[in-house]
Amino acid sequence: MLNEQTVAKMQGMKLAGMAQTFKELMEKPKRTDLTHEEFIGLLLDAELTTRENRKLLRLLSDAKLKQQACIEDMDYKHQRGLHKQVILELQNSKWIENHQNVLISGPTGVGKTYIACAIGNTACRAGYTVSYIRAPKLFTALFQARADGSYLRYLSKLSKFNLLIIDDIGLSPMNEIERKDFLELVEDRHLYSSTIVASQVPIKDWYQIIGDPTIADAICDRLLNNAFRIELKGESMRKKLTV
């Protein structure tokens, strides 16, 4: 009865991991082999693990990554210009601490989205806040935010993510509003957070898809400075998988 009350108290205090482990230990006949220090240590470790797992699930849910991707499952066999050393550097989250960016370019089907999501997954596992969004949806959301008066609030929300992943930039040339919105977003995040930008357009041609030379220069200067570049090539991996 006393043990049940203890479990209930732990659950009431939202110590789910501790409560479950306490219950399991009480059901073991050899629990008396544990010292007081070992017993308490097991409870604390269980609670810490439970909270870390819960946090990770929340971070992954908030990130809304398009693909379930892991850096550990990265495919280096296909000849597409993906260098393992660069990925290993990105597996260490120090680049996020240094507020560096990652720029990914390459034709359709070479794995740009998978790589971006794998890096995002690693960032979540390291405890960073992440958000994934496709460029068309981003520009639509910013346009709607202008209309309903939430523009500055939405920009502020985007600027607060430790890592923002913007996929499919450059599917069409940016119009005047889009390039100005993109500049505002890049400016807000510059020197304070990290951004991954993925595009079918080669990085050297990003000036052209942005359009206005002055704005393009401002955006690219902030994105490209001290950034990791992953420039992919080759045929679609989807075609190879269906052969």
Protein backbone atom coordinates (compact mmCIF):
# COMPACT_ATOMS: atom_id res chain seq x y z
CA MET A 1 0.00 0.00 0.00
CA LEU A 2 2.83 2.37 0.91
CA ASN A 3 4.60 1.63 -2.37
CA GLU A 4 1.41 2.37 -4.31
CA GLN A 5 1.09 5.69 -2.54
CA THR A 6 4.70 6.50 -3.36
CA VAL A 7 4.13 5.70 -7.04
CA ALA A 8 0.99 7.85 -7.02
CA LYS A 9 2.90 10.76 -5.48
CA MET A 10 5.64 10.48 -8.10
CA GLN A 11 3.07 10.44 -10.88
CA GLY A 12 1.32 13.41 -9.32
CA MET A 13 4.62 15.27 -9.37
CA LYS A 14 5.02 14.31 -13.07
CA LEU A 15 7.97 12.04 -12.32
CA ALA A 16 6.80 9.36 -14.75
CA GLY A 17 10.20 7.76 -15.37
CA MET A 18 10.98 7.63 -11.68
CA ALA A 19 7.55 6.18 -10.85
CA GLN A 20 7.82 3.41 -13.44
CA THR A 21 11.33 2.42 -12.37
CA PHE A 22 10.40 2.51 -8.67
CA LYS A 23 7.47 0.20 -9.38
CA GLU A 24 9.68 -2.19 -11.36
CA LEU A 25 12.36 -2.27 -8.66
CA MET A 26 9.80 -2.96 -5.96
CA GLU A 27 8.64 -6.00 -7.91
CA LYS A 28 12.14 -7.47 -8.08
CA PRO A 29 13.01 -9.91 -5.28
CA LYS A 30 16.70 -8.87 -5.22
CA ARG A 31 16.18 -5.13 -4.89
CA THR A 32 17.75 -5.30 -1.42
CA ASP A 33 21.09 -5.88 -3.15
CA LEU A 34 21.09 -2.20 -4.07
CA THR A 35 22.57 0.40 -1.75
CA HIS A 36 20.54 3.54 -1.03
CA GLU A 37 22.84 5.50 -3.32
CA GLU A 38 22.42 3.00 -6.18
CA PHE A 39 18.64 2.90 -5.71
CA ILE A 40 18.29 6.67 -5.85
CA GLY A 41 20.72 6.83 -8.76
CA LEU A 42 18.61 4.41 -10.79
CA LEU A 43 15.48 6.45 -10.14
CA LEU A 44 17.15 9.71 -11.15
CA ASP A 45 18.68 8.17 -14.30
CA ALA A 46 15.29 6.79 -15.32
CA GLU A 47 13.61 10.17 -14.85
CA LEU A 48 16.33 11.97 -16.79
CA THR A 49 16.07 9.49 -19.69
CA THR A 50 12.28 9.82 -19.76
CA ARG A 51 12.47 13.62 -19.87
CA GLU A 52 15.13 13.60 -22.59
CA ASN A 53 13.05 11.22 -24.72
CA ARG A 54 9.96 13.35 -24.21
CA LYS A 55 11.88 16.48 -25.20
CA LEU A 56 13.23 14.79 -28.32
CA LEU A 57 9.76 13.70 -29.39
CA ARG A 58 8.52 17.27 -28.91
CA LEU A 59 11.42 18.75 -30.88
CA LEU A 60 10.91 16.30 -33.76
CA SER A 61 7.17 16.97 -33.78
CA ASP A 62 7.71 20.74 -33.86
CA ALA A 63 10.37 20.42 -36.58
CA LYS A 64 7.87 18.88 -39.05
CA LEU A 65 10.69 17.30 -41.05
CA LYS A 66 9.45 16.13 -44.44
CA GLN A 67 11.35 12.83 -44.27
CA GLN A 68 12.37 10.49 -41.48
CA ALA A 69 16.09 10.70 -42.16
CA CYS A 70 19.20 9.97 -40.11
CA ILE A 71 22.80 10.92 -40.82
CA GLU A 72 23.84 7.41 -39.79
CA ASP A 73 21.85 6.02 -42.74
CA MET A 74 23.40 8.35 -45.31
CA ASP A 75 24.22 6.71 -48.65
CA TYR A 76 27.72 7.45 -49.93
CA LYS A 77 27.74 4.75 -52.64
CA HIS A 78 26.02 6.79 -55.33
CA GLN A 79 28.37 9.10 -57.20
CA ARG A 80 26.67 12.41 -56.46
CA GLY A 81 29.40 14.57 -54.90
CA LEU A 82 28.46 13.89 -51.29
CA HIS A 83 31.56 13.93 -49.09
CA LYS A 84 31.47 11.95 -45.87
CA GLN A 85 33.87 14.32 -44.10
CA VAL A 86 31.45 17.24 -44.53
CA ILE A 87 28.56 15.18 -43.15
CA LEU A 88 30.67 14.12 -40.17
CA GLU A 89 31.39 17.77 -39.42
CA LEU A 90 27.67 18.51 -39.56
CA GLN A 91 26.96 15.58 -37.26
CA ASN A 92 28.82 17.56 -34.62
CA SER A 93 26.49 20.41 -33.69
CA LYS A 94 29.30 22.90 -33.13
CA TRP A 95 28.39 24.56 -36.44
CA ILE A 96 25.00 25.46 -34.97
CA GLU A 97 26.68 26.94 -31.91
CA ASN A 98 28.78 29.02 -34.33
CA HIS A 99 25.64 30.10 -36.27
CA GLN A 100 26.90 28.73 -39.57
CA ASN A 101 24.67 27.84 -42.52
CA VAL A 102 24.42 24.84 -44.85
CA LEU A 103 23.70 25.32 -48.55
CA ILE A 104 22.60 22.30 -50.59
CA SER A 105 22.15 22.30 -54.35
CA GLY A 106 21.62 19.65 -56.99
CA PRO A 107 19.18 18.30 -59.56
CA THR A 108 15.92 16.57 -58.70
CA GLY A 109 16.20 13.23 -56.93
CA VAL A 110 19.78 13.37 -55.68
CA GLY A 111 18.75 13.53 -52.02
CA LYS A 112 18.78 17.21 -51.06
CA THR A 113 15.68 16.97 -48.86
CA TYR A 114 16.87 13.75 -47.23
CA ILE A 115 20.23 15.31 -46.34
CA ALA A 116 18.59 18.46 -44.97
CA CYS A 117 16.15 16.43 -42.86
CA ALA A 118 18.93 14.13 -41.62
CA ILE A 119 20.90 17.15 -40.43
CA GLY A 120 17.73 18.51 -38.83
CA ASN A 121 17.12 15.20 -37.07
CA THR A 122 20.65 15.29 -35.65
CA ALA A 123 20.10 18.86 -34.43
CA CYS A 124 16.90 17.79 -32.64
CA ARG A 125 18.76 14.92 -30.97
CA ALA A 126 21.31 17.46 -29.77
CA GLY A 127 18.51 19.50 -28.16
CA TYR A 128 18.18 22.31 -30.71
CA THR A 129 14.88 23.72 -31.98
CA VAL A 130 14.37 23.02 -35.68
CA SER A 131 11.74 23.90 -38.27
CA TYR A 132 11.38 22.64 -41.85
CA ILE A 133 9.42 24.50 -44.50
CA ARG A 134 9.33 24.54 -48.30
CA ALA A 135 10.01 27.93 -49.89
CA PRO A 136 6.63 28.19 -51.69
CA LYS A 137 4.79 27.57 -48.43
CA LEU A 138 7.09 30.01 -46.60
CA PHE A 139 6.39 32.85 -49.03
CA THR A 140 2.66 32.12 -48.99
CA ALA A 141 2.64 32.19 -45.18
CA LEU A 142 4.56 35.48 -45.13
CA PHE A 143 2.15 36.98 -47.69
CA GLN A 144 -0.85 35.92 -45.60
CA ALA A 145 0.82 37.25 -42.45
CA ARG A 146 1.12 40.67 -44.10
CA ALA A 147 -2.60 40.58 -44.82
CA ASP A 148 -3.75 39.64 -41.31
CA GLY A 149 -1.28 41.83 -39.42
CA SER A 150 0.85 39.00 -37.99
CA TYR A 151 3.85 39.57 -40.27
CA LEU A 152 6.31 40.77 -37.63
CA ARG A 153 5.15 38.10 -35.18
CA TYR A 154 5.64 35.35 -37.77
CA LEU A 155 9.10 36.66 -38.71
CA SER A 156 10.01 36.72 -35.02
CA LYS A 157 8.86 33.11 -34.64
CA LEU A 158 11.01 31.99 -37.57
CA SER A 159 14.03 33.88 -36.28
CA LYS A 160 13.94 32.05 -32.93
CA PHE A 161 14.53 28.53 -34.25
CA ASN A 162 18.11 27.37 -33.71
CA LEU A 163 17.96 25.78 -37.16
CA LEU A 164 15.57 26.73 -39.97
CA ILE A 165 15.44 24.46 -43.05
CA ILE A 166 14.15 26.14 -46.22
CA ASP A 167 13.67 23.61 -49.02
CA ASP A 168 13.03 24.11 -52.74
CA ILE A 169 14.27 27.68 -53.03
CA GLY A 170 14.27 28.87 -56.63
CA LEU A 171 11.54 26.72 -58.17
CA SER A 172 10.56 30.01 -59.78
CA PRO A 173 12.25 33.44 -59.75
CA MET A 174 11.38 35.52 -56.69
CA ASN A 175 9.06 38.48 -57.11
CA GLU A 176 9.67 41.81 -55.37
CA ILE A 177 7.74 40.92 -52.20
CA GLU A 178 9.34 37.47 -51.89
CA ARG A 179 12.90 38.74 -52.21
CA LYS A 180 12.28 41.46 -49.62
CA ASP A 181 10.69 38.93 -47.25
CA PHE A 182 13.61 36.56 -47.75
CA LEU A 183 16.07 39.35 -46.98
CA GLU A 184 14.21 40.22 -43.77
CA LEU A 185 14.27 36.58 -42.67
CA VAL A 186 17.94 36.07 -43.52
CA GLU A 187 18.87 39.34 -41.82
CA ASP A 188 16.98 38.42 -38.64
CA ARG A 189 18.77 35.07 -38.42
CA HIS A 190 22.24 36.24 -39.47
CA LEU A 191 24.82 35.86 -36.67
CA TYR A 192 22.19 34.49 -34.27
CA SER A 193 21.11 31.13 -35.69
CA SER A 194 21.71 28.62 -38.48
CA THR A 195 19.85 28.08 -41.73
CA ILE A 196 19.83 25.24 -44.25
CA VAL A 197 18.82 26.26 -47.77
CA ALA A 198 18.22 23.57 -50.42
CA SER A 199 17.71 24.28 -54.11
CA GLN A 200 17.77 22.68 -57.54
CA VAL A 201 19.56 25.79 -58.75
CA PRO A 202 23.39 25.78 -58.50
CA ILE A 203 24.59 28.03 -55.69
CA LYS A 204 26.47 30.26 -58.14
CA ASP A 205 23.14 31.08 -59.84
CA TRP A 206 21.23 32.06 -56.70
CA TYR A 207 21.82 35.72 -57.51
CA GLN A 208 19.73 35.26 -60.66
CA ILE A 209 16.73 33.59 -58.98
CA ILE A 210 16.63 36.29 -56.29
CA GLY A 211 16.57 38.95 -59.00
CA ASP A 212 17.38 42.43 -57.71
CA PRO A 213 21.22 42.70 -57.66
CA THR A 214 21.37 44.77 -54.47
CA ILE A 215 19.05 42.49 -52.49
CA ALA A 216 20.63 39.37 -53.98
CA ASP A 217 24.06 40.55 -52.90
CA ALA A 218 22.83 41.24 -49.35
CA ILE A 219 21.12 37.84 -49.05
CA CYS A 220 23.96 35.80 -50.55
CA ASP A 221 26.59 37.62 -48.51
CA ARG A 222 24.83 36.58 -45.30
CA LEU A 223 24.04 33.04 -46.41
CA LEU A 224 27.34 32.14 -48.07
CA ASN A 225 29.72 33.63 -45.53
CA ASN A 226 31.42 30.77 -43.67
CA ALA A 227 28.78 28.27 -44.85
CA PHE A 228 29.04 24.55 -45.59
CA ARG A 229 28.35 23.83 -49.24
CA ILE A 230 26.98 20.52 -50.47
CA GLU A 231 26.80 20.67 -54.25
CA LEU A 232 25.33 17.45 -55.57
CA LYS A 233 25.27 16.14 -59.14
CA GLY A 234 24.34 13.08 -61.12
CA GLU A 235 21.16 11.25 -62.03
CA SER A 236 18.13 10.88 -59.81
CA MET A 237 18.56 8.23 -57.13
CA ARG A 238 14.85 7.47 -57.50
CA LYS A 239 15.46 6.25 -61.06
CA LYS A 240 18.33 4.04 -59.93
CA LEU A 241 16.21 2.51 -57.19
CA THR A 242 13.55 1.51 -59.71
CA VAL A 243 15.98 -0.11 -62.14
